Structures are given as structure tokens and as C-alpha cells.
């Protein structure tokens, strides 16, 4: 998707499974990562992006989109947004969010929802700083300007 000062944002691939597992473990969420899970993300209604500089990934965002009864366009939902603890506060989360929003717009979505647990005040502050407003169990931001 893009580069900034040596930072590359790109679509996740099955071969990224070891790096994603290392990123999750560093963030306190050790999950055995199977390559087929990552590959499945690329072939359904959604995608995942990695932030890479050198070594293991610096961050990941996982995004899905789907139609609802209440919305005229598909809704995009971020189910995972994670930046490695040592790489936080460097703009990586914003870059991942930008790539996710672009993918959601290309999928025809009008809004972006970010699932965030209530016990994550740092994530809530990030959401507020990046244009999200609090919703029921998630944060929401429009993807298109209102006419």
C-alpha cells in the first residue's frame, strides 16, 4: 500500500505467519498463527495489512466488510489493530488505519467501525485522535464526506 521513512504497509501473506505470531506474543496475546488463517483473510470480505520496517512486523490491522439492514452501503469493521509495544507512538497505527480506510472505501463502505474493549483507554484515546466517535461497543467514523 505505501512506504514512509522505511516503513512499508502491505497486504498480509500466508508466509507472514511467524512474524504475526511474534507480534501478537510481544503484545501479550500469544496465539499460534497458522498460515491458512492469514491466507483466508485475503480471500473473503476483508483484508489485513502489516506494517514492516525490518525484522518482525511492527503492526497489523484486520478489516472486514459486510452489508447490514440499517445501512445503504456495506459497513467496514476493524477487528484487530495492533502495534508492537516498542513501536508505538511513531505513527504506525495511523498508517495502518489509513490503509484500512482506503480498502474499505474501495469496497464501497461508507463507515468504519473499530472494535475496542472498554478496558483499553489508550486505544480509546487513539480512536478519538483519529476521528472516531464512541458508538455501541465500538468506535465509528465516516469514510466519505456528507454531501
C-alpha atoms as a PDB file:
ATOM      1  CA  UNK A   1       0.000   0.000   0.000  1.00  0.00           C
ATOM      2  CA  UNK A   2       2.645   2.516   0.888  1.00  0.00           C
ATOM      3  CA  UNK A   3       6.034   3.451   2.370  1.00  0.00           C
ATOM      4  CA  UNK A   4       7.037   6.159   4.802  1.00  0.00           C
ATOM      5  CA  UNK A   5      10.609   6.562   6.053  1.00  0.00           C
ATOM      6  CA  UNK A   6      11.423   2.890   5.611  1.00  0.00           C
ATOM      7  CA  UNK A   7       8.001   1.770   6.842  1.00  0.00           C
ATOM      8  CA  UNK A   8       6.120  -0.465   4.417  1.00  0.00           C
ATOM      9  CA  UNK A   9       2.393  -1.149   4.690  1.00  0.00           C
ATOM     10  CA  UNK A  10       1.350  -4.168   2.644  1.00  0.00           C
ATOM     11  CA  UNK A  11      -1.262  -6.900   2.480  1.00  0.00           C
ATOM     12  CA  UNK A  12      -0.557  -9.837   4.750  1.00  0.00           C
ATOM     13  CA  UNK A  13       0.518 -13.137   3.183  1.00  0.00           C
ATOM     14  CA  UNK A  14       0.494 -16.690   4.485  1.00  0.00           C
ATOM     15  CA  UNK A  15       4.294 -16.558   4.747  1.00  0.00           C
ATOM     16  CA  UNK A  16       3.929 -13.783   7.373  1.00  0.00           C
ATOM     17  CA  UNK A  17       2.515 -16.214   9.965  1.00  0.00           C
ATOM     18  CA  UNK A  18       5.722 -16.497  12.081  1.00  0.00           C
ATOM     19  CA  UNK A  19       6.131 -12.702  12.220  1.00  0.00           C
ATOM     20  CA  UNK A  20       2.470 -12.144  13.064  1.00  0.00           C
ATOM     21  CA  UNK A  21       2.720 -14.735  15.855  1.00  0.00           C
ATOM     22  CA  UNK A  22       5.790 -12.899  17.207  1.00  0.00           C
ATOM     23  CA  UNK A  23       3.947  -9.544  17.057  1.00  0.00           C
ATOM     24  CA  UNK A  24       0.941 -10.958  18.901  1.00  0.00           C
ATOM     25  CA  UNK A  25       3.154 -12.548  21.562  1.00  0.00           C
ATOM     26  CA  UNK A  26       5.052  -9.256  22.107  1.00  0.00           C
ATOM     27  CA  UNK A  27       1.724  -7.513  22.663  1.00  0.00           C
ATOM     28  CA  UNK A  28       0.687 -10.079  25.293  1.00  0.00           C
ATOM     29  CA  UNK A  29      -1.624 -12.071  23.046  1.00  0.00           C
ATOM     30  CA  UNK A  30       0.240 -15.301  22.256  1.00  0.00           C
ATOM     31  CA  UNK A  31      -1.768 -17.093  19.595  1.00  0.00           C
ATOM     32  CA  UNK A  32      -0.380 -19.896  17.470  1.00  0.00           C
ATOM     33  CA  UNK A  33      -0.646 -18.459  13.980  1.00  0.00           C
ATOM     34  CA  UNK A  34      -1.499 -20.754  11.110  1.00  0.00           C
ATOM     35  CA  UNK A  35      -0.674 -19.601   7.592  1.00  0.00           C
ATOM     36  CA  UNK A  36      -4.112 -20.694   6.369  1.00  0.00           C
ATOM     37  CA  UNK A  37      -5.802 -18.169   8.708  1.00  0.00           C
ATOM     38  CA  UNK A  38      -3.831 -15.321   7.169  1.00  0.00           C
ATOM     39  CA  UNK A  39      -4.483 -16.579   3.655  1.00  0.00           C
ATOM     40  CA  UNK A  40      -8.235 -16.824   4.362  1.00  0.00           C
ATOM     41  CA  UNK A  41      -8.323 -13.118   5.285  1.00  0.00           C
ATOM     42  CA  UNK A  42      -7.232 -12.221   1.768  1.00  0.00           C
ATOM     43  CA  UNK A  43      -9.887 -14.296   0.021  1.00  0.00           C
ATOM     44  CA  UNK A  44     -13.055 -13.257   1.817  1.00  0.00           C
ATOM     45  CA  UNK A  45     -14.848  -9.969   2.526  1.00  0.00           C
ATOM     46  CA  UNK A  46     -11.925  -8.321   4.202  1.00  0.00           C
ATOM     47  CA  UNK A  47      -8.188  -7.957   4.337  1.00  0.00           C
ATOM     48  CA  UNK A  48      -5.254  -7.476   6.672  1.00  0.00           C
ATOM     49  CA  UNK A  49      -2.284  -5.145   6.399  1.00  0.00           C
ATOM     50  CA  UNK A  50       1.134  -5.379   8.024  1.00  0.00           C
ATOM     51  CA  UNK A  51       3.480  -2.562   8.927  1.00  0.00           C
ATOM     52  CA  UNK A  52       7.084  -3.614   8.306  1.00  0.00           C
ATOM     53  CA  UNK A  53      10.433  -1.904   8.702  1.00  0.00           C
ATOM     54  CA  UNK A  54      12.977  -4.618   9.397  1.00  0.00           C
ATOM     55  CA  UNK A  55      12.652  -7.760  11.455  1.00  0.00           C
ATOM     56  CA  UNK A  56       9.221  -8.885  12.609  1.00  0.00           C
ATOM     57  CA  UNK A  57       6.128  -6.823  11.736  1.00  0.00           C
ATOM     58  CA  UNK A  58       5.649  -3.570  13.654  1.00  0.00           C
ATOM     59  CA  UNK A  59       1.858  -3.683  13.424  1.00  0.00           C
ATOM     60  CA  UNK A  60      -1.227  -5.270  11.916  1.00  0.00           C
ATOM     61  CA  UNK A  61      -4.782  -4.237  11.102  1.00  0.00           C
ATOM     62  CA  UNK A  62      -7.526  -6.730  10.228  1.00  0.00           C
ATOM     63  CA  UNK A  63     -10.595  -5.404   8.448  1.00  0.00           C
ATOM     64  CA  UNK A  64     -13.895  -6.993   7.345  1.00  0.00           C
ATOM     65  CA  UNK A  65     -16.870  -5.530   5.495  1.00  0.00           C
ATOM     66  CA  UNK A  66     -20.461  -6.681   5.252  1.00  0.00           C
ATOM     67  CA  UNK A  67     -23.961  -5.424   4.383  1.00  0.00           C
ATOM     68  CA  UNK A  68     -26.446  -4.581   7.140  1.00  0.00           C
ATOM     69  CA  UNK A  69     -30.191  -3.968   7.204  1.00  0.00           C
ATOM     70  CA  UNK A  70     -29.752  -0.434   8.552  1.00  0.00           C
ATOM     71  CA  UNK A  71     -27.099   0.911   6.183  1.00  0.00           C
ATOM     72  CA  UNK A  72     -27.310   1.640   2.475  1.00  0.00           C
ATOM     73  CA  UNK A  73     -23.669   0.651   1.950  1.00  0.00           C
ATOM     74  CA  UNK A  74     -21.519  -2.112   3.426  1.00  0.00           C
ATOM     75  CA  UNK A  75     -20.044  -1.440   6.862  1.00  0.00           C
ATOM     76  CA  UNK A  76     -16.324  -1.923   7.449  1.00  0.00           C
ATOM     77  CA  UNK A  77     -15.180  -3.205  10.821  1.00  0.00           C
ATOM     78  CA  UNK A  78     -11.657  -3.317  12.205  1.00  0.00           C
ATOM     79  CA  UNK A  79     -11.424  -6.371  14.449  1.00  0.00           C
ATOM     80  CA  UNK A  80      -7.695  -6.097  15.158  1.00  0.00           C
ATOM     81  CA  UNK A  81      -5.431  -3.058  15.293  1.00  0.00           C
ATOM     82  CA  UNK A  82      -2.144  -3.763  16.992  1.00  0.00           C
ATOM     83  CA  UNK A  83       1.244  -2.052  17.072  1.00  0.00           C
ATOM     84  CA  UNK A  84       4.210  -3.690  18.794  1.00  0.00           C
ATOM     85  CA  UNK A  85       4.849  -2.116  22.224  1.00  0.00           C
ATOM     86  CA  UNK A  86       8.320  -0.846  21.244  1.00  0.00           C
ATOM     87  CA  UNK A  87       6.972   0.718  18.033  1.00  0.00           C
ATOM     88  CA  UNK A  88       4.053   2.700  19.468  1.00  0.00           C
ATOM     89  CA  UNK A  89       3.744   6.488  19.286  1.00  0.00           C
ATOM     90  CA  UNK A  90       5.526   6.608  15.905  1.00  0.00           C
ATOM     91  CA  UNK A  91       2.524   6.962  13.572  1.00  0.00           C
ATOM     92  CA  UNK A  92       2.359   3.282  12.624  1.00  0.00           C
ATOM     93  CA  UNK A  93      -1.215   2.860  13.885  1.00  0.00           C
ATOM     94  CA  UNK A  94      -2.292   5.901  11.859  1.00  0.00           C
ATOM     95  CA  UNK A  95      -0.671   4.485   8.719  1.00  0.00           C
ATOM     96  CA  UNK A  96      -2.397   1.128   9.228  1.00  0.00           C
ATOM     97  CA  UNK A  97      -5.704   2.918   9.795  1.00  0.00           C
ATOM     98  CA  UNK A  98      -5.212   4.947   6.611  1.00  0.00           C
ATOM     99  CA  UNK A  99      -4.645   1.753   4.583  1.00  0.00           C
ATOM    100  CA  UNK A 100      -7.704   0.104   6.157  1.00  0.00           C
ATOM    101  CA  UNK A 101      -9.888   3.137   5.396  1.00  0.00           C
ATOM    102  CA  UNK A 102      -8.718   3.171   1.778  1.00  0.00           C
ATOM    103  CA  UNK A 103      -9.516  -0.534   1.374  1.00  0.00           C
ATOM    104  CA  UNK A 104     -12.953  -0.009   2.955  1.00  0.00           C
ATOM    105  CA  UNK A 105     -13.755   2.882   0.613  1.00  0.00           C
ATOM    106  CA  UNK A 106     -12.697   0.732  -2.361  1.00  0.00           C
ATOM    107  CA  UNK A 107     -15.106  -1.968  -1.101  1.00  0.00           C
ATOM    108  CA  UNK A 108     -17.932   0.616  -1.195  1.00  0.00           C
ATOM    109  CA  UNK A 109     -18.193   1.182   2.554  1.00  0.00           C
ATOM    110  CA  UNK A 110     -19.406   4.493   3.983  1.00  0.00           C
ATOM    111  CA  UNK A 111     -18.378   3.972   7.606  1.00  0.00           C
ATOM    112  CA  UNK A 112     -15.556   2.379   9.538  1.00  0.00           C
ATOM    113  CA  UNK A 113     -16.122   0.731  12.915  1.00  0.00           C
ATOM    114  CA  UNK A 114     -13.286  -0.189  15.248  1.00  0.00           C
ATOM    115  CA  UNK A 115     -13.994  -2.768  17.935  1.00  0.00           C
ATOM    116  CA  UNK A 116     -12.304  -1.716  21.158  1.00  0.00           C
ATOM    117  CA  UNK A 117     -12.566  -3.287  24.595  1.00  0.00           C
ATOM    118  CA  UNK A 118     -13.670  -0.850  27.312  1.00  0.00           C
ATOM    119  CA  UNK A 119     -10.545  -1.671  29.342  1.00  0.00           C
ATOM    120  CA  UNK A 120      -8.285  -0.190  26.634  1.00  0.00           C
ATOM    121  CA  UNK A 121      -8.120   3.560  27.415  1.00  0.00           C
ATOM    122  CA  UNK A 122      -5.053   4.089  25.192  1.00  0.00           C
ATOM    123  CA  UNK A 123      -6.965   2.682  22.217  1.00  0.00           C
ATOM    124  CA  UNK A 124      -9.962   4.879  23.049  1.00  0.00           C
ATOM    125  CA  UNK A 125      -7.663   7.937  23.074  1.00  0.00           C
ATOM    126  CA  UNK A 126      -6.182   6.859  19.715  1.00  0.00           C
ATOM    127  CA  UNK A 127      -9.685   6.496  18.276  1.00  0.00           C
ATOM    128  CA  UNK A 128     -10.666   9.967  19.447  1.00  0.00           C
ATOM    129  CA  UNK A 129      -7.467  11.441  17.968  1.00  0.00           C
ATOM    130  CA  UNK A 130      -8.116   9.808  14.584  1.00  0.00           C
ATOM    131  CA  UNK A 131     -11.685  10.989  14.064  1.00  0.00           C
ATOM    132  CA  UNK A 132     -13.730   8.184  15.595  1.00  0.00           C
ATOM    133  CA  UNK A 133     -16.669   8.782  17.907  1.00  0.00           C
ATOM    134  CA  UNK A 134     -17.876   6.334  20.524  1.00  0.00           C
ATOM    135  CA  UNK A 135     -20.675   4.001  19.454  1.00  0.00           C
ATOM    136  CA  UNK A 136     -22.317   0.916  20.939  1.00  0.00           C
ATOM    137  CA  UNK A 137     -19.372  -1.403  21.657  1.00  0.00           C
ATOM    138  CA  UNK A 138     -17.172   0.206  19.012  1.00  0.00           C
ATOM    139  CA  UNK A 139     -15.866   3.460  17.658  1.00  0.00           C
ATOM    140  CA  UNK A 140     -17.272   4.798  14.374  1.00  0.00           C
ATOM    141  CA  UNK A 141     -16.062   7.239  11.753  1.00  0.00           C
ATOM    142  CA  UNK A 142     -17.452   8.130   8.336  1.00  0.00           C
ATOM    143  CA  UNK A 143     -15.354   7.266   5.294  1.00  0.00           C
ATOM    144  CA  UNK A 144     -16.952   9.769   2.939  1.00  0.00           C
ATOM    145  CA  UNK A 145     -17.825  13.408   3.406  1.00  0.00           C
ATOM    146  CA  UNK A 146     -21.525  14.097   3.736  1.00  0.00           C
ATOM    147  CA  UNK A 147     -22.995  15.952   0.737  1.00  0.00           C
END
